[in-house]
């Protein structure tokens, strides 16, 4: 049970700190400084949690990572299901705390929720959003699987750094299109409180990241080195 609670708390921190930074900085695609600040917040939150709860649960704090780990044969189906459940609960708790802090203050109503972003005179298409979330999640989960592999002794002690920095990179590339989810639990909580198009388009940020995590697992199983 401790590892499930660790996943819940870790995901809560990720949403509270990452989305909280987006709210505090007023993350705007037209303002590079706010994008960089938000990207760093998400990466640093993962980095901090990796070295806090990594020894308890592995610090997935992301259903896409959990799916990738499961499909790679590193955890049971029961644990995978419970991880995902507690991650979503943690994401909702994190969003609820952020909502309680900001509600009535006129600071931000979207709570950093993911959505198809404005681009030119229109918005990123549904297909564009799906592809962005699928491929950027695939890259992120692929890094996680490689950095935490038992055969990768060279980076195991620094896996948290590699994972945190890769999440910063993914955010820098993807915020312009979808606000960057690559994590269904990160998207569900804020969308429930924000409503509107964020809730309508929530399926994109559940289906595409999970598909990306599954694709990463397939790629890793093909490329992973033989164990000793």
Foldseek 3Di string as FASTA:
>chain_A
DVLLLLLLQLLLQLLLQLLVLCLVLVDDPVDLVSLLSSLLRNLVSLLVSCVVCCVPHNSPLFLLLLLLCVLLVNDDPVVSVSSLVSSLNSLQNSLVVSCVVCPPVPRDQLSLAWAFAQDDPGTADLVRLLVLLQALLLVLSLLLCVQCPPQCPVRVVPSSVSNSVSSSVSSSPPCRGISDDLGLSSRPNSCVRNPDRSVVSSVSSVPSSNNNSNVSSVVCSVPPDDDD
